[in-house]
Amino acid sequence: MFIASHCSFYTAGHPLDVRLRNASVQYARPISVGNNVWIGGNVTVLTGVTIGNNVTIGAGSVVTRDIPDNTLAVGNPCRVIKSIDEE
């Protein structure tokens, strides 16, 4: 795995409902990163996300949902834009 500079991984979160948030209700979910993954600079990965094997995440992306194996994903929110064939 390669992680460029200024990346952030957040495993904790809070509800959107203001009453629950004010009651200090919080949650944590693990982040899972597969093998042979390249995460570009300034990427943010949010709680509960799984990044598959052989994945490249483009610089500046915000990963809010799972990214499948063998893909290139970029953007805010991060989306798969290309399948990467193994050679």
N, C-alpha and C. Protein backbone atom coordinates (compact mmCIF):
# COMPACT_ATOMS: atom_id res chain seq x y z
N MET A 1 0.85 -1.17 0.00
CA MET A 1 0.00 0.00 0.00
C MET A 1 0.90 1.23 0.00
N PHE A 2 0.52 2.22 -0.80
CA PHE A 2 1.20 3.50 -0.83
C PHE A 2 0.20 4.58 -0.47
N ILE A 3 0.53 5.40 0.52
CA ILE A 3 -0.33 6.51 0.92
C ILE A 3 0.48 7.78 0.78
N ALA A 4 0.04 8.68 -0.10
CA ALA A 4 0.73 9.95 -0.31
C ALA A 4 0.50 10.88 0.88
N SER A 5 1.10 12.04 0.81
CA SER A 5 1.03 12.98 1.94
C SER A 5 -0.35 13.62 2.09
N HIS A 6 -0.62 14.05 3.31
CA HIS A 6 -1.82 14.81 3.68
C HIS A 6 -3.12 14.03 3.47
N CYS A 7 -3.08 12.71 3.70
CA CYS A 7 -4.29 11.90 3.64
C CYS A 7 -4.90 11.79 5.04
N SER A 8 -6.22 11.63 5.09
CA SER A 8 -6.94 11.53 6.37
C SER A 8 -7.85 10.32 6.35
N PHE A 9 -7.88 9.60 7.47
CA PHE A 9 -8.74 8.44 7.63
C PHE A 9 -9.57 8.65 8.88
N TYR A 10 -10.89 8.70 8.73
CA TYR A 10 -11.79 8.98 9.85
C TYR A 10 -12.66 7.76 10.13
N THR A 11 -12.49 7.15 11.31
CA THR A 11 -13.30 5.99 11.67
C THR A 11 -14.48 6.34 12.56
N ALA A 12 -14.50 7.54 13.10
CA ALA A 12 -15.59 7.97 13.98
C ALA A 12 -16.55 8.87 13.23
N GLY A 13 -17.80 8.85 13.65
CA GLY A 13 -18.82 9.70 13.05
C GLY A 13 -19.90 10.03 14.06
N HIS A 14 -20.89 10.79 13.60
CA HIS A 14 -22.01 11.16 14.47
C HIS A 14 -23.28 11.24 13.64
N PRO A 15 -24.44 11.10 14.28
CA PRO A 15 -25.71 11.17 13.56
C PRO A 15 -25.96 12.58 13.00
N LEU A 16 -26.77 12.66 11.96
CA LEU A 16 -27.17 13.95 11.42
C LEU A 16 -28.26 14.60 12.25
N ASP A 17 -29.04 13.79 12.95
CA ASP A 17 -30.11 14.31 13.81
C ASP A 17 -29.50 15.13 14.94
N VAL A 18 -29.84 16.40 15.03
CA VAL A 18 -29.22 17.31 15.99
C VAL A 18 -29.46 16.88 17.44
N ARG A 19 -30.62 16.29 17.74
CA ARG A 19 -30.90 15.85 19.11
C ARG A 19 -29.94 14.74 19.53
N LEU A 20 -29.73 13.79 18.63
CA LEU A 20 -28.80 12.70 18.95
C LEU A 20 -27.36 13.22 19.03
N ARG A 21 -27.01 14.11 18.12
CA ARG A 21 -25.66 14.67 18.14
C ARG A 21 -25.41 15.46 19.43
N ASN A 22 -26.41 16.25 19.85
CA ASN A 22 -26.27 17.01 21.10
C ASN A 22 -26.23 16.11 22.33
N ALA A 23 -26.77 14.91 22.20
CA ALA A 23 -26.71 13.94 23.29
C ALA A 23 -25.38 13.16 23.28
N SER A 24 -24.47 13.60 22.43
CA SER A 24 -23.13 13.00 22.31
C SER A 24 -23.16 11.57 21.81
N VAL A 25 -24.18 11.23 20.99
CA VAL A 25 -24.23 9.91 20.37
C VAL A 25 -23.21 9.91 19.24
N GLN A 26 -22.30 8.95 19.28
CA GLN A 26 -21.29 8.81 18.24
C GLN A 26 -21.18 7.35 17.87
N TYR A 27 -20.51 7.07 16.77
CA TYR A 27 -20.27 5.70 16.35
C TYR A 27 -18.90 5.62 15.70
N ALA A 28 -18.40 4.41 15.60
CA ALA A 28 -17.13 4.17 14.92
C ALA A 28 -17.28 2.92 14.06
N ARG A 29 -16.72 2.98 12.86
CA ARG A 29 -16.73 1.84 11.95
C ARG A 29 -15.33 1.71 11.35
N PRO A 30 -14.85 0.49 11.19
CA PRO A 30 -13.49 0.32 10.68
C PRO A 30 -13.38 0.68 9.20
N ILE A 31 -12.19 1.05 8.81
CA ILE A 31 -11.84 1.26 7.40
C ILE A 31 -10.96 0.08 7.01
N SER A 32 -11.24 -0.52 5.86
CA SER A 32 -10.46 -1.66 5.38
C SER A 32 -9.82 -1.30 4.04
N VAL A 33 -8.52 -1.53 3.93
CA VAL A 33 -7.80 -1.23 2.69
C VAL A 33 -7.11 -2.50 2.22
N GLY A 34 -7.35 -2.88 0.96
CA GLY A 34 -6.81 -4.11 0.41
C GLY A 34 -5.33 -4.01 0.07
N ASN A 35 -4.86 -5.01 -0.66
CA ASN A 35 -3.47 -5.08 -1.09
C ASN A 35 -3.26 -4.33 -2.40
N ASN A 36 -2.04 -3.85 -2.61
CA ASN A 36 -1.66 -3.17 -3.84
C ASN A 36 -2.54 -1.96 -4.11
N VAL A 37 -2.69 -1.12 -3.10
CA VAL A 37 -3.53 0.08 -3.19
C VAL A 37 -2.64 1.32 -3.19
N TRP A 38 -2.98 2.27 -4.05
CA TRP A 38 -2.27 3.54 -4.11
C TRP A 38 -3.28 4.63 -3.81
N ILE A 39 -3.03 5.40 -2.75
CA ILE A 39 -3.92 6.49 -2.35
C ILE A 39 -3.18 7.80 -2.58
N GLY A 40 -3.70 8.62 -3.48
CA GLY A 40 -3.05 9.87 -3.85
C GLY A 40 -3.10 10.90 -2.74
N GLY A 41 -2.39 12.01 -2.94
CA GLY A 41 -2.30 13.06 -1.95
C GLY A 41 -3.62 13.73 -1.64
N ASN A 42 -3.77 14.15 -0.40
CA ASN A 42 -4.95 14.90 0.07
C ASN A 42 -6.25 14.12 -0.05
N VAL A 43 -6.19 12.81 0.04
CA VAL A 43 -7.40 11.98 0.00
C VAL A 43 -7.97 11.87 1.41
N THR A 44 -9.30 11.90 1.51
CA THR A 44 -10.01 11.69 2.77
C THR A 44 -10.84 10.42 2.64
N VAL A 45 -10.68 9.50 3.59
CA VAL A 45 -11.44 8.25 3.62
C VAL A 45 -12.32 8.29 4.87
N LEU A 46 -13.63 8.13 4.67
CA LEU A 46 -14.58 8.24 5.78
C LEU A 46 -14.93 6.90 6.40
N THR A 47 -15.61 6.95 7.51
CA THR A 47 -15.91 5.80 8.34
C THR A 47 -16.63 4.67 7.59
N GLY A 48 -16.20 3.44 7.87
CA GLY A 48 -16.87 2.26 7.35
C GLY A 48 -16.55 1.88 5.92
N VAL A 49 -15.62 2.56 5.27
CA VAL A 49 -15.32 2.32 3.86
C VAL A 49 -14.39 1.12 3.71
N THR A 50 -14.62 0.33 2.66
CA THR A 50 -13.71 -0.73 2.26
C THR A 50 -13.15 -0.39 0.89
N ILE A 51 -11.83 -0.36 0.78
CA ILE A 51 -11.15 -0.14 -0.50
C ILE A 51 -10.56 -1.49 -0.89
N GLY A 52 -10.94 -1.99 -2.05
CA GLY A 52 -10.54 -3.32 -2.49
C GLY A 52 -9.07 -3.44 -2.87
N ASN A 53 -8.71 -4.59 -3.41
CA ASN A 53 -7.35 -4.86 -3.87
C ASN A 53 -7.11 -4.20 -5.23
N ASN A 54 -5.85 -3.83 -5.49
CA ASN A 54 -5.44 -3.29 -6.79
C ASN A 54 -6.23 -2.05 -7.17
N VAL A 55 -6.33 -1.11 -6.24
CA VAL A 55 -7.12 0.11 -6.44
C VAL A 55 -6.20 1.32 -6.41
N THR A 56 -6.50 2.30 -7.26
CA THR A 56 -5.86 3.61 -7.21
C THR A 56 -6.93 4.65 -6.90
N ILE A 57 -6.69 5.46 -5.87
CA ILE A 57 -7.58 6.56 -5.51
C ILE A 57 -6.88 7.85 -5.90
N GLY A 58 -7.51 8.64 -6.77
CA GLY A 58 -6.91 9.88 -7.27
C GLY A 58 -6.78 10.95 -6.20
N ALA A 59 -5.79 11.81 -6.39
CA ALA A 59 -5.51 12.89 -5.45
C ALA A 59 -6.74 13.76 -5.20
N GLY A 60 -6.91 14.16 -3.95
CA GLY A 60 -8.00 15.06 -3.58
C GLY A 60 -9.36 14.42 -3.44
N SER A 61 -9.44 13.11 -3.59
CA SER A 61 -10.73 12.42 -3.53
C SER A 61 -11.25 12.33 -2.09
N VAL A 62 -12.58 12.24 -1.97
CA VAL A 62 -13.23 12.00 -0.68
C VAL A 62 -13.99 10.69 -0.83
N VAL A 63 -13.49 9.64 -0.18
CA VAL A 63 -14.05 8.30 -0.32
C VAL A 63 -15.14 8.12 0.73
N THR A 64 -16.39 8.07 0.27
CA THR A 64 -17.55 7.98 1.16
C THR A 64 -18.23 6.61 1.11
N ARG A 65 -17.87 5.78 0.13
CA ARG A 65 -18.47 4.45 0.00
C ARG A 65 -17.43 3.48 -0.51
N ASP A 66 -17.76 2.20 -0.47
CA ASP A 66 -16.81 1.14 -0.84
C ASP A 66 -16.35 1.28 -2.29
N ILE A 67 -15.07 0.92 -2.51
CA ILE A 67 -14.47 0.92 -3.84
C ILE A 67 -14.09 -0.53 -4.16
N PRO A 68 -14.60 -1.09 -5.27
CA PRO A 68 -14.34 -2.50 -5.58
C PRO A 68 -12.91 -2.75 -6.08
N ASP A 69 -12.51 -4.02 -6.09
CA ASP A 69 -11.20 -4.43 -6.58
C ASP A 69 -10.95 -3.95 -8.01
N ASN A 70 -9.67 -3.76 -8.33
CA ASN A 70 -9.21 -3.52 -9.70
C ASN A 70 -9.84 -2.31 -10.36
N THR A 71 -9.86 -1.18 -9.65
CA THR A 71 -10.48 0.02 -10.20
C THR A 71 -9.64 1.26 -9.93
N LEU A 72 -9.91 2.29 -10.74
CA LEU A 72 -9.40 3.64 -10.53
C LEU A 72 -10.60 4.48 -10.13
N ALA A 73 -10.49 5.18 -9.00
CA ALA A 73 -11.61 5.98 -8.49
C ALA A 73 -11.10 7.37 -8.13
N VAL A 74 -11.91 8.39 -8.44
CA VAL A 74 -11.53 9.78 -8.17
C VAL A 74 -12.76 10.61 -7.85
N GLY A 75 -12.54 11.77 -7.26
CA GLY A 75 -13.60 12.76 -7.12
C GLY A 75 -14.10 12.97 -5.71
N ASN A 76 -15.04 13.92 -5.62
CA ASN A 76 -15.70 14.26 -4.36
C ASN A 76 -17.19 14.38 -4.63
N PRO A 77 -17.94 13.31 -4.34
CA PRO A 77 -17.52 12.06 -3.72
C PRO A 77 -16.78 11.17 -4.72
N CYS A 78 -15.94 10.31 -4.20
CA CYS A 78 -15.12 9.42 -5.02
C CYS A 78 -15.99 8.41 -5.75
N ARG A 79 -15.75 8.28 -7.05
CA ARG A 79 -16.50 7.33 -7.89
C ARG A 79 -15.53 6.56 -8.78
N VAL A 80 -15.88 5.32 -9.07
CA VAL A 80 -15.07 4.50 -9.98
C VAL A 80 -15.22 5.07 -11.39
N ILE A 81 -14.06 5.32 -12.03
CA ILE A 81 -14.11 5.82 -13.41
C ILE A 81 -13.54 4.84 -14.41
N LYS A 82 -12.82 3.83 -13.91
CA LYS A 82 -12.18 2.90 -14.84
C LYS A 82 -11.85 1.60 -14.13
N SER A 83 -11.99 0.51 -14.87
CA SER A 83 -11.54 -0.78 -14.38
C SER A 83 -10.06 -0.93 -14.74
N ILE A 84 -9.28 -1.49 -13.83
CA ILE A 84 -7.85 -1.70 -14.07
C ILE A 84 -7.64 -3.20 -14.27
N ASP A 85 -7.21 -3.57 -15.46
CA ASP A 85 -6.95 -4.98 -15.76
C ASP A 85 -5.61 -5.39 -15.18
N GLU A 86 -5.58 -6.57 -14.58
CA GLU A 86 -4.31 -7.10 -14.07
C GLU A 86 -3.51 -7.64 -15.24
N GLU A 87 -2.21 -7.36 -15.23
CA GLU A 87 -1.34 -7.85 -16.30
C GLU A 87 -0.25 -8.70 -15.74
